[in-house]
Amino acid sequence: MEAHNFFLTLFLILIVARIFGELFARLGVPSVLGELFAGIFLGSSILGIVQPNEILKILAEIGIILLLFEVGIETDFTRLKHAGMRSLIVAVLGVILPFCFGILTAFYLFGLSFDIALFIGGTLTATSIGITLRVLRDIHMEKTNIAQIVIGAAVIDDIIGIILLVFIYDFSISRQADFSHTISVAGMILMFLILAPIFAKALSFLIHKFHGKELVPGYIPTIIISLILLLSYLSHLVGAPAILGSFAAGIALSRRFFLPFGSFLGANELLLEDVKKNMKPIIQIFTPIFFVMVGLSVNLRVIDFTSTSFWIMGLSFISIAFISKFLGAFFIIQKCAKNNALIGISMIPRGEVGLIFAEMGRVSGILPNEIYAMLIFVIIITTIVPPFLLKIYFKGECV
């Protein structure tokens, strides 16, 4: 793509995302859905004037890692730590239930091959952490106790999803279960999760040490973005999602994250406020690109809405996608069932993570076009409906 054409494409993405985001917000709908619709509107589904490309994918990746950094820096680590076991239960069950029900339904009810059933089950396990957290922010509920459980569960869900993706991919290539590679990836991710916050906290001490002494403007955004990119790269290097690196950077810089030597390495309030002030406009520019890209990746034209088998299969897997994630939240104790329901709804969106599973199955030649189209439909519904449910239902926690 020539540079001037790319500039026009980026102009369209930013402006149309802003217009639809603002319009949806004024209608009382989470603005993230406006940005998703902007992608559908500009992409193959409607106008067909913008197509996903490698440059846009990189900008979208920057958008999601910046969003996760912002979530990390605003996260109350103490509350996140207390939510740890509950988040783990929600995440694990939120993977096991849709994965098992998806495979069993595809294999036994619809008579599909085990390879296809495996990819369908994998697609149904994924939770889109970006969409979930953006919706919670749109409705001003990102700092509630429920949000802390959802954040923890979504991060764990992403880790499990990547490990599962490695296993499914290896199986699709070799046609046999080889756990050695999967276990090595899991071990590397675990090591990264332990070491990354310590490394980020040590770097935050250096940032604090030179804060206010620089002669060249732009010290804070340059250093912080460099830290985010470095940790995201290291995260990807060990086989983990890049967003885990940026989330670790945000957590380490937050005012409530303490290590045994945290008082020595702790950043002061002035630095923290400077970081937020300098990073917010950059985050607000890049994050809409990510959500537009999710919309661009969806092609409604591949779906045959006149097929009876499409509707039977599609509605079956939509039901599994909703119910299995929803049920997973009811295995933890909350003050009332409303809290469990809100957690369950928050874990439903599939978004870009589900698209990755489906696309991998299509490219590898395992998913036929009609199954791939059905999964795209399931991903669209599970991405669009939950934000509406949260908007209507999330009026506060039980006290």
Protein backbone atom coordinates (compact mmCIF):
# COMPACT_ATOMS: atom_id res chain seq x y z
CA MET A 1 0.00 0.00 0.00
CA GLU A 2 1.35 3.43 -0.99
CA ALA A 3 1.88 5.92 1.84
CA HIS A 4 -0.72 8.46 0.68
CA ASN A 5 -3.38 5.73 0.31
CA PHE A 6 -2.61 4.51 3.81
CA PHE A 7 -3.01 8.05 5.16
CA LEU A 8 -6.48 8.22 3.62
CA THR A 9 -7.34 4.80 5.09
CA LEU A 10 -6.20 5.87 8.55
CA PHE A 11 -8.15 9.11 8.20
CA LEU A 12 -11.32 7.17 7.39
CA ILE A 13 -10.83 4.75 10.29
CA LEU A 14 -10.27 7.48 12.89
CA ILE A 15 -13.03 9.80 11.68
CA VAL A 16 -15.70 7.14 11.07
CA ALA A 17 -14.87 5.45 14.40
CA ARG A 18 -15.25 8.78 16.15
CA ILE A 19 -18.55 9.57 14.41
CA PHE A 20 -20.15 6.19 15.14
CA GLY A 21 -18.68 6.05 18.66
CA GLU A 22 -20.16 9.46 19.44
CA LEU A 23 -23.48 8.60 17.80
CA PHE A 24 -23.82 5.32 19.70
CA ALA A 25 -22.89 7.01 22.99
CA ARG A 26 -25.58 9.67 22.45
CA LEU A 27 -28.09 6.87 21.87
CA GLY A 28 -27.11 5.33 25.21
CA VAL A 29 -25.20 2.44 23.60
CA PRO A 30 -21.56 1.65 24.60
CA SER A 31 -19.29 3.59 22.24
CA VAL A 32 -17.16 0.52 21.59
CA LEU A 33 -20.05 -0.90 19.56
CA GLY A 34 -19.96 2.23 17.42
CA GLU A 35 -16.28 1.63 16.72
CA LEU A 36 -16.98 -2.03 15.90
CA PHE A 37 -19.77 -0.96 13.55
CA ALA A 38 -17.40 1.55 11.92
CA GLY A 39 -15.21 -1.41 10.94
CA ILE A 40 -18.19 -3.38 9.61
CA PHE A 41 -19.37 -0.26 7.72
CA LEU A 42 -15.98 0.45 6.10
CA GLY A 43 -15.07 -3.19 5.49
CA SER A 44 -16.20 -5.98 3.18
CA SER A 45 -19.59 -6.30 4.88
CA ILE A 46 -20.95 -2.96 3.57
CA LEU A 47 -18.79 -0.40 1.70
CA GLY A 48 -15.70 -2.52 1.08
CA ILE A 49 -13.39 0.50 0.90
CA VAL A 50 -11.02 -0.53 3.72
CA GLN A 51 -9.38 -3.94 3.99
CA PRO A 52 -7.27 -5.28 6.89
CA ASN A 53 -3.54 -5.17 6.17
CA GLU A 54 -0.34 -5.75 8.10
CA ILE A 55 0.18 -2.07 8.96
CA LEU A 56 -3.35 -1.72 10.35
CA LYS A 57 -2.89 -4.95 12.30
CA ILE A 58 0.25 -3.53 13.93
CA LEU A 59 -1.53 -0.26 14.80
CA ALA A 60 -4.45 -2.28 16.21
CA GLU A 61 -2.01 -4.35 18.28
CA ILE A 62 -0.54 -1.12 19.67
CA GLY A 63 -4.09 -0.02 20.49
CA ILE A 64 -4.92 -3.12 22.53
CA ILE A 65 -1.62 -3.17 24.44
CA LEU A 66 -2.08 0.52 25.33
CA LEU A 67 -5.63 -0.21 26.49
CA LEU A 68 -4.38 -3.04 28.71
CA PHE A 69 -1.66 -0.77 30.10
CA GLU A 70 -4.32 1.76 31.07
CA VAL A 71 -6.40 -0.98 32.66
CA GLY A 72 -3.34 -2.20 34.57
CA ILE A 73 -2.38 1.21 35.92
CA GLU A 74 -5.97 1.83 37.10
CA THR A 75 -6.34 -1.63 38.64
CA ASP A 76 -6.48 -1.91 42.41
CA PHE A 77 -3.92 -4.68 42.84
CA THR A 78 -5.06 -5.49 46.38
CA ARG A 79 -8.61 -6.11 45.20
CA LEU A 80 -7.34 -7.96 42.13
CA LYS A 81 -5.26 -10.21 44.40
CA HIS A 82 -8.27 -10.89 46.66
CA ALA A 83 -10.29 -11.78 43.57
CA GLY A 84 -7.55 -14.20 42.47
CA MET A 85 -9.20 -17.53 43.29
CA ARG A 86 -12.62 -16.38 42.13
CA SER A 87 -11.11 -15.06 38.88
CA LEU A 88 -9.31 -18.37 38.39
CA ILE A 89 -12.51 -20.39 38.87
CA VAL A 90 -14.48 -18.16 36.47
CA ALA A 91 -11.69 -18.32 33.87
CA VAL A 92 -11.09 -22.08 34.04
CA LEU A 93 -14.79 -22.97 33.93
CA GLY A 94 -15.28 -20.33 31.25
CA VAL A 95 -12.84 -22.32 29.12
CA ILE A 96 -13.77 -25.90 30.05
CA LEU A 97 -17.55 -25.57 29.69
CA PRO A 98 -17.72 -23.99 26.20
CA PHE A 99 -14.80 -26.10 24.96
CA CYS A 100 -16.39 -29.41 26.04
CA PHE A 101 -19.96 -28.50 25.08
CA GLY A 102 -18.76 -27.13 21.74
CA ILE A 103 -16.83 -30.29 20.87
CA LEU A 104 -19.57 -32.68 22.02
CA THR A 105 -22.30 -30.78 20.16
CA ALA A 106 -20.28 -30.53 16.94
CA PHE A 107 -19.11 -34.14 17.02
CA TYR A 108 -22.18 -36.01 18.30
CA LEU A 109 -25.16 -33.77 17.44
CA PHE A 110 -24.05 -32.47 14.04
CA GLY A 111 -21.73 -35.36 13.08
CA LEU A 112 -18.76 -33.14 12.24
CA SER A 113 -15.20 -34.51 12.23
CA PHE A 114 -13.17 -34.30 15.43
CA ASP A 115 -10.75 -31.78 13.85
CA ILE A 116 -13.60 -29.42 13.03
CA ALA A 117 -15.19 -29.97 16.44
CA LEU A 118 -11.86 -29.13 18.11
CA PHE A 119 -11.64 -25.78 16.33
CA ILE A 120 -15.29 -24.97 17.09
CA GLY A 121 -14.69 -25.73 20.78
CA GLY A 122 -11.53 -23.59 20.75
CA THR A 123 -13.35 -20.66 19.13
CA LEU A 124 -16.08 -20.78 21.79
CA THR A 125 -13.60 -20.65 24.70
CA ALA A 126 -12.12 -17.23 23.91
CA THR A 127 -13.12 -14.08 25.83
CA SER A 128 -12.24 -10.72 24.27
CA ILE A 129 -10.65 -8.86 27.17
CA GLY A 130 -10.44 -5.64 25.16
CA ILE A 131 -14.17 -5.46 24.40
CA THR A 132 -15.21 -6.49 27.92
CA LEU A 133 -13.01 -3.91 29.65
CA ARG A 134 -13.96 -1.14 27.25
CA VAL A 135 -17.66 -1.76 27.93
CA LEU A 136 -17.08 -1.66 31.70
CA ARG A 137 -15.28 1.65 31.22
CA ASP A 138 -18.05 3.05 29.00
CA ILE A 139 -20.60 2.41 31.75
CA HIS A 140 -18.22 3.66 34.49
CA MET A 141 -18.00 0.33 36.30
CA GLU A 142 -14.31 -0.46 35.75
CA LYS A 143 -13.37 0.05 39.43
CA THR A 144 -16.05 -2.14 41.02
CA ASN A 145 -15.34 -5.44 42.78
CA ILE A 146 -17.05 -7.26 39.93
CA ALA A 147 -14.73 -5.56 37.43
CA GLN A 148 -11.68 -6.76 39.37
CA ILE A 149 -12.93 -10.36 39.16
CA VAL A 150 -13.66 -9.94 35.45
CA ILE A 151 -10.24 -8.37 34.76
CA GLY A 152 -8.45 -11.22 36.53
CA ALA A 153 -10.62 -13.85 34.83
CA ALA A 154 -10.22 -12.28 31.39
CA VAL A 155 -6.42 -12.16 31.72
CA ILE A 156 -6.29 -15.79 32.88
CA ASP A 157 -8.75 -16.74 30.13
CA ASP A 158 -6.41 -15.15 27.57
CA ILE A 159 -3.45 -17.15 28.90
CA ILE A 160 -5.40 -20.43 28.80
CA GLY A 161 -6.69 -19.51 25.34
CA ILE A 162 -3.17 -19.05 23.97
CA ILE A 163 -2.03 -22.38 25.48
CA LEU A 164 -5.11 -24.07 24.00
CA LEU A 165 -4.42 -22.45 20.64
CA VAL A 166 -0.87 -23.86 20.66
CA PHE A 167 -2.23 -27.35 21.43
CA ILE A 168 -4.95 -27.20 18.76
CA TYR A 169 -2.52 -25.86 16.15
CA ASP A 170 0.03 -28.59 16.92
CA PHE A 171 -2.72 -31.21 16.72
CA SER A 172 -3.99 -29.86 13.38
CA ILE A 173 -0.47 -30.11 11.90
CA SER A 174 0.69 -33.48 13.31
CA ARG A 175 -2.74 -35.11 13.85
CA GLN A 176 -1.56 -36.35 17.25
CA ALA A 177 -1.62 -34.91 20.77
CA ASP A 178 1.85 -33.60 21.64
CA PHE A 179 1.79 -31.97 25.07
CA SER A 180 5.53 -31.22 25.28
CA HIS A 181 5.36 -27.99 23.26
CA THR A 182 2.17 -26.91 25.04
CA ILE A 183 3.72 -27.49 28.48
CA SER A 184 6.89 -25.59 27.54
CA VAL A 185 4.83 -22.60 26.39
CA ALA A 186 2.80 -22.71 29.61
CA GLY A 187 6.01 -22.78 31.67
CA MET A 188 7.46 -19.79 29.82
CA ILE A 189 4.26 -17.80 30.32
CA LEU A 190 4.23 -18.59 34.06
CA MET A 191 7.86 -17.48 34.38
CA PHE A 192 7.08 -14.25 32.54
CA LEU A 193 4.11 -13.50 34.82
CA ILE A 194 6.37 -13.81 37.86
CA LEU A 195 9.34 -11.80 36.54
CA ALA A 196 7.68 -9.11 34.38
CA PRO A 197 6.12 -7.03 37.21
CA ILE A 198 9.41 -7.13 39.16
CA PHE A 199 11.30 -5.95 36.09
CA ALA A 200 8.72 -3.22 35.40
CA LYS A 201 8.77 -2.08 39.02
CA ALA A 202 12.57 -1.77 38.93
CA LEU A 203 12.33 0.31 35.75
CA SER A 204 9.68 2.51 37.37
CA PHE A 205 12.27 3.41 40.01
CA LEU A 206 14.60 4.67 37.27
CA ILE A 207 11.73 6.59 35.66
CA HIS A 208 10.97 8.18 39.03
CA LYS A 209 14.66 8.97 39.67
CA PHE A 210 15.03 11.09 36.51
CA HIS A 211 11.49 12.52 36.51
CA GLY A 212 11.61 16.33 36.45
CA LYS A 213 15.31 16.49 35.59
CA GLU A 214 15.02 16.07 31.84
CA LEU A 215 15.84 18.95 29.49
CA VAL A 216 14.11 17.56 26.40
CA PRO A 217 10.24 17.50 26.41
CA GLY A 218 8.36 14.22 26.08
CA TYR A 219 10.25 12.22 28.73
CA ILE A 220 7.22 10.45 30.26
CA PRO A 221 5.42 9.24 27.07
CA THR A 222 8.71 8.16 25.46
CA ILE A 223 9.88 6.13 28.46
CA ILE A 224 6.46 4.63 29.28
CA ILE A 225 5.70 3.57 25.69
CA SER A 226 9.22 2.13 25.42
CA LEU A 227 8.59 0.10 28.60
CA ILE A 228 5.23 -1.13 27.29
CA LEU A 229 6.69 -2.14 23.93
CA LEU A 230 9.64 -3.91 25.54
CA LEU A 231 7.47 -5.95 27.92
CA SER A 232 5.00 -6.71 25.12
CA TYR A 233 7.85 -7.99 22.97
CA LEU A 234 9.23 -10.13 25.82
CA SER A 235 5.72 -11.45 26.46
CA HIS A 236 5.36 -12.48 22.81
CA LEU A 237 8.86 -13.96 22.87
CA VAL A 238 7.89 -16.48 25.58
CA GLY A 239 4.68 -17.41 23.76
CA ALA A 240 2.29 -15.29 25.84
CA PRO A 241 -0.13 -12.68 24.46
CA ALA A 242 1.60 -9.31 24.00
CA ILE A 243 -1.13 -7.69 26.09
CA LEU A 244 0.16 -9.48 29.20
CA GLY A 245 3.36 -7.46 28.99
CA SER A 246 1.55 -4.14 28.81
CA PHE A 247 -0.83 -5.20 31.60
CA ALA A 248 2.17 -6.12 33.77
CA ALA A 249 3.70 -2.70 33.08
CA GLY A 250 0.49 -0.95 34.11
CA ILE A 251 0.09 -3.06 37.26
CA ALA A 252 3.71 -2.40 38.30
CA LEU A 253 3.30 1.36 37.88
CA SER A 254 -0.03 1.51 39.74
CA ARG A 255 -0.03 3.07 43.18
CA ARG A 256 -1.32 -0.07 44.86
CA PHE A 257 1.20 -2.62 43.58
CA PHE A 258 3.73 -3.57 46.25
CA LEU A 259 6.59 -6.04 46.17
CA PRO A 260 8.70 -6.96 49.23
CA PHE A 261 10.88 -4.00 48.22
CA GLY A 262 7.97 -2.00 46.84
CA SER A 263 8.43 0.99 49.15
CA PHE A 264 11.93 1.41 47.75
CA LEU A 265 10.82 1.13 44.14
CA GLY A 266 7.44 2.82 44.49
CA ALA A 267 6.49 5.64 42.14
CA ASN A 268 5.06 8.77 43.73
CA GLU A 269 1.62 10.23 43.08
CA LEU A 270 3.00 13.09 40.98
CA LEU A 271 4.71 10.69 38.58
CA LEU A 272 1.61 8.52 38.36
CA GLU A 273 -0.61 11.47 37.48
CA ASP A 274 1.93 12.66 34.90
CA VAL A 275 1.92 9.19 33.33
CA LYS A 276 -1.88 9.16 33.09
CA LYS A 277 -2.04 12.71 31.74
CA ASN A 278 0.57 12.10 29.05
CA MET A 279 -0.65 8.64 28.01
CA LYS A 280 -4.40 9.26 27.82
CA PRO A 281 -4.47 11.14 24.46
CA ILE A 282 -2.15 8.54 22.88
CA ILE A 283 -4.37 5.71 24.15
CA GLN A 284 -7.51 7.47 22.89
CA ILE A 285 -6.04 7.66 19.38
CA PHE A 286 -4.86 4.04 19.07
CA THR A 287 -7.55 2.01 20.87
CA PRO A 288 -10.37 2.81 18.37
CA ILE A 289 -8.15 1.40 15.60
CA PHE A 290 -8.19 -1.97 17.39
CA PHE A 291 -11.98 -2.10 17.63
CA VAL A 292 -12.40 -0.94 14.02
CA MET A 293 -10.05 -3.76 12.99
CA VAL A 294 -12.30 -6.28 14.75
CA GLY A 295 -15.18 -4.98 12.62
CA LEU A 296 -13.05 -5.00 9.45
CA SER A 297 -12.17 -8.65 10.08
CA VAL A 298 -15.84 -9.61 9.91
CA ASN A 299 -17.36 -10.24 6.48
CA LEU A 300 -21.13 -10.60 6.65
CA ARG A 301 -21.26 -11.45 2.94
CA VAL A 302 -19.77 -14.92 3.50
CA ILE A 303 -22.82 -15.85 5.56
CA ASP A 304 -25.71 -17.61 3.80
CA PHE A 305 -28.69 -16.40 5.81
CA THR A 306 -31.09 -18.49 3.69
CA SER A 307 -29.61 -21.84 4.80
CA THR A 308 -31.69 -23.79 7.34
CA SER A 309 -28.70 -25.82 8.54
CA PHE A 310 -26.80 -22.56 9.08
CA TRP A 311 -29.50 -21.25 11.42
CA ILE A 312 -29.88 -24.53 13.33
CA MET A 313 -26.15 -24.89 13.83
CA GLY A 314 -25.57 -21.18 14.43
CA LEU A 315 -28.27 -20.81 17.08
CA SER A 316 -27.10 -24.00 18.79
CA PHE A 317 -23.54 -22.72 19.17
CA ILE A 318 -24.71 -19.22 20.12
CA SER A 319 -26.70 -20.80 22.94
CA ILE A 320 -23.63 -22.77 24.06
CA ALA A 321 -21.44 -19.66 23.79
CA PHE A 322 -23.77 -17.65 26.04
CA ILE A 323 -24.86 -20.29 28.56
CA SER A 324 -21.44 -21.89 29.15
CA LYS A 325 -19.69 -18.59 29.98
CA PHE A 326 -22.68 -17.45 32.02
CA LEU A 327 -22.80 -20.66 34.06
CA GLY A 328 -19.08 -20.46 34.86
CA ALA A 329 -19.68 -17.34 36.96
CA PHE A 330 -22.18 -19.13 39.22
CA PHE A 331 -19.52 -21.44 40.68
CA ILE A 332 -18.19 -18.63 42.89
CA ILE A 333 -19.87 -17.14 45.95
CA GLN A 334 -21.13 -13.59 45.58
CA LYS A 335 -23.39 -11.40 47.70
CA CYS A 336 -26.28 -12.03 45.34
CA ALA A 337 -27.06 -13.77 42.07
CA LYS A 338 -27.06 -10.42 40.26
CA ASN A 339 -23.30 -10.12 40.77
CA ASN A 340 -22.76 -13.62 39.37
CA ALA A 341 -24.92 -12.75 36.37
CA LEU A 342 -22.94 -9.57 35.69
CA ILE A 343 -19.66 -11.47 35.81
CA GLY A 344 -21.09 -14.12 33.48
CA ILE A 345 -22.32 -11.54 30.95
CA SER A 346 -18.93 -9.76 31.06
CA MET A 347 -17.14 -12.98 30.05
CA ILE A 348 -19.31 -13.65 26.97
CA PRO A 349 -17.80 -11.34 24.26
CA ARG A 350 -15.59 -13.29 21.83
CA GLY A 351 -14.44 -10.59 19.41
CA GLU A 352 -10.95 -10.73 17.93
CA VAL A 353 -9.83 -13.78 19.95
CA GLY A 354 -12.56 -15.96 18.48
CA LEU A 355 -11.74 -14.63 15.03
CA ILE A 356 -8.12 -15.79 15.45
CA PHE A 357 -9.26 -19.36 16.22
CA ALA A 358 -11.73 -19.41 13.32
CA GLU A 359 -9.26 -17.88 10.86
CA MET A 360 -6.56 -20.39 11.85
CA GLY A 361 -9.01 -23.24 11.20
CA ARG A 362 -9.93 -21.80 7.80
CA VAL A 363 -6.35 -21.12 6.66
CA SER A 364 -5.22 -24.62 7.73
CA GLY A 365 -8.00 -26.08 5.57
CA ILE A 366 -9.79 -27.78 8.48
CA LEU A 367 -12.89 -25.55 8.61
CA PRO A 368 -15.12 -25.66 5.50
CA ASN A 369 -16.51 -22.32 4.30
CA GLU A 370 -20.02 -22.96 5.68
CA ILE A 371 -18.65 -23.85 9.16
CA TYR A 372 -16.33 -20.84 9.07
CA ALA A 373 -19.26 -18.55 8.13
CA MET A 374 -21.35 -20.02 10.95
CA LEU A 375 -18.54 -19.31 13.46
CA ILE A 376 -18.22 -15.73 12.19
CA PHE A 377 -21.95 -15.31 12.87
CA VAL A 378 -21.56 -16.73 16.39
CA ILE A 379 -18.63 -14.38 17.08
CA ILE A 380 -20.61 -11.36 15.83
CA ILE A 381 -23.62 -12.11 18.05
CA THR A 382 -21.50 -12.89 21.13
CA THR A 383 -19.59 -9.65 20.59
CA ILE A 384 -22.53 -7.31 19.98
CA VAL A 385 -25.21 -8.54 22.42
CA PRO A 386 -23.32 -8.60 25.80
CA PRO A 387 -22.53 -4.83 25.81
CA PHE A 388 -26.27 -4.15 25.48
CA LEU A 389 -27.02 -6.55 28.32
CA LEU A 390 -24.38 -4.93 30.53
CA LYS A 391 -25.67 -1.46 29.73
CA ILE A 392 -29.21 -2.46 30.71
CA TYR A 393 -28.39 -4.73 33.66
CA PHE A 394 -25.24 -3.21 35.21
CA LYS A 395 -26.74 -0.57 37.49
CA GLY A 396 -24.35 -1.35 40.35
CA GLU A 397 -23.26 -4.20 42.57
CA CYS A 398 -25.17 -5.79 45.43
CA VAL A 399 -24.07 -4.34 48.74
